[in-house]
C-alpha atoms as a PDB file:
ATOM      1  CA  MET A   1     -13.990 -13.160  32.539  1.00  0.00           C
ATOM      2  CA  LYS A   2     -14.648 -15.183  29.391  1.00  0.00           C
ATOM      3  CA  LYS A   3     -17.874 -14.841  27.466  1.00  0.00           C
ATOM      4  CA  PRO A   4     -20.180 -17.846  27.446  1.00  0.00           C
ATOM      5  CA  LYS A   5     -20.086 -19.774  24.201  1.00  0.00           C
ATOM      6  CA  HIS A   6     -23.682 -18.971  23.345  1.00  0.00           C
ATOM      7  CA  TRP A   7     -22.887 -15.226  23.135  1.00  0.00           C
ATOM      8  CA  THR A   8     -20.630 -15.467  20.115  1.00  0.00           C
ATOM      9  CA  GLN A   9     -21.651 -16.948  16.819  1.00  0.00           C
ATOM     10  CA  PRO A  10     -19.092 -18.468  14.487  1.00  0.00           C
ATOM     11  CA  SER A  11     -18.463 -16.375  11.413  1.00  0.00           C
ATOM     12  CA  VAL A  12     -19.469 -17.915   8.128  1.00  0.00           C
ATOM     13  CA  ARG A  13     -16.757 -17.955   5.498  1.00  0.00           C
ATOM     14  CA  ILE A  14     -18.030 -17.517   1.977  1.00  0.00           C
ATOM     15  CA  HIS A  15     -15.842 -19.067  -0.670  1.00  0.00           C
ATOM     16  CA  GLU A  16     -14.742 -16.645  -3.353  1.00  0.00           C
ATOM     17  CA  THR A  17     -13.963 -18.250  -6.677  1.00  0.00           C
ATOM     18  CA  ARG A  18     -10.719 -17.644  -8.461  1.00  0.00           C
ATOM     19  CA  ASP A  19     -12.505 -15.802 -11.259  1.00  0.00           C
ATOM     20  CA  ASP A  20     -14.132 -13.380  -8.834  1.00  0.00           C
ATOM     21  CA  ARG A  21     -10.871 -12.325  -7.221  1.00  0.00           C
ATOM     22  CA  GLY A  22      -9.640 -10.515 -10.306  1.00  0.00           C
ATOM     23  CA  ARG A  23      -5.885 -10.537 -10.344  1.00  0.00           C
ATOM     24  CA  ALA A  24      -3.692  -7.942 -11.995  1.00  0.00           C
ATOM     25  CA  TRP A  25      -0.862  -8.851 -14.367  1.00  0.00           C
ATOM     26  CA  SER A  26       1.498  -8.858 -11.393  1.00  0.00           C
ATOM     27  CA  GLY A  27      -0.571 -11.622  -9.809  1.00  0.00           C
ATOM     28  CA  LYS A  28      -1.878  -9.490  -6.974  1.00  0.00           C
ATOM     29  CA  THR A  29      -5.536  -9.370  -6.046  1.00  0.00           C
ATOM     30  CA  ALA A  30      -7.378  -6.070  -5.810  1.00  0.00           C
ATOM     31  CA  ASN A  31      -7.421  -6.321  -2.014  1.00  0.00           C
ATOM     32  CA  SER A  32      -3.653  -6.666  -1.740  1.00  0.00           C
ATOM     33  CA  LYS A  33      -3.175  -3.762  -4.147  1.00  0.00           C
ATOM     34  CA  VAL A  34      -5.381  -1.559  -2.001  1.00  0.00           C
ATOM     35  CA  ARG A  35      -3.513  -2.560   1.174  1.00  0.00           C
ATOM     36  CA  SER A  36      -0.095  -1.831  -0.332  1.00  0.00           C
ATOM     37  CA  GLU A  37      -1.074   1.472  -1.969  1.00  0.00           C
ATOM     38  CA  PRO A  38      -0.137   3.714   1.003  1.00  0.00           C
ATOM     39  CA  ARG A  39       3.357   2.176   1.093  1.00  0.00           C
ATOM     40  CA  GLN A  40       3.749   2.779  -2.632  1.00  0.00           C
ATOM     41  CA  MET A  41       2.554   6.379  -2.349  1.00  0.00           C
ATOM     42  CA  ALA A  42       4.959   7.012   0.547  1.00  0.00           C
ATOM     43  CA  ALA A  43       7.864   5.650  -1.513  1.00  0.00           C
ATOM     44  CA  ILE A  44       6.977   7.911  -4.445  1.00  0.00           C
ATOM     45  CA  GLU A  45       6.785  10.899  -2.123  1.00  0.00           C
ATOM     46  CA  ARG A  46      10.186  10.093  -0.576  1.00  0.00           C
ATOM     47  CA  ASP A  47      11.730   9.824  -4.044  1.00  0.00           C
ATOM     48  CA  ALA A  48      10.227  13.166  -5.036  1.00  0.00           C
ATOM     49  CA  GLU A  49      11.589  14.846  -1.906  1.00  0.00           C
ATOM     50  CA  THR A  50      15.049  13.409  -2.533  1.00  0.00           C
ATOM     51  CA  LYS A  51      14.982  14.546  -6.148  1.00  0.00           C
ATOM     52  CA  GLN A  52      13.857  18.039  -5.143  1.00  0.00           C
ATOM     53  CA  ALA A  53      16.602  18.331  -2.515  1.00  0.00           C
ATOM     54  CA  TYR A  54      19.205  17.185  -5.047  1.00  0.00           C
ATOM     55  CA  GLN A  55      18.027  19.712  -7.623  1.00  0.00           C
ATOM     56  CA  ALA A  56      18.047  22.502  -5.036  1.00  0.00           C
ATOM     57  CA  THR A  57      21.606  21.646  -4.036  1.00  0.00           C
ATOM     58  CA  GLU A  58      22.718  21.557  -7.686  1.00  0.00           C
ATOM     59  CA  ALA A  59      21.086  24.926  -8.361  1.00  0.00           C
ATOM     60  CA  LYS A  60      22.749  26.402  -5.285  1.00  0.00           C
ATOM     61  CA  ASN A  61      26.152  25.055  -6.346  1.00  0.00           C
ATOM     62  CA  LEU A  62      25.755  26.444  -9.874  1.00  0.00           C
ATOM     63  CA  ALA A  63      24.728  29.846  -8.512  1.00  0.00           C
ATOM     64  CA  THR A  64      27.798  30.085  -6.271  1.00  0.00           C
ATOM     65  CA  ASP A  65      30.265  29.107  -9.016  1.00  0.00           C
END
């Protein structure tokens, strides 16, 4: 069942000026940086795990030689 039109009000869009958006040197806005931060943190963590596994394997190989 659809809601009658008088139940929902249209949302008002407030224009945000270019100066207020505050872009970084990379051209990204603060909002897009915040949204992409978890992906960046996950990539850093994966790289750290890979590096740690590599170093553990190297240490194991040196110990057995």
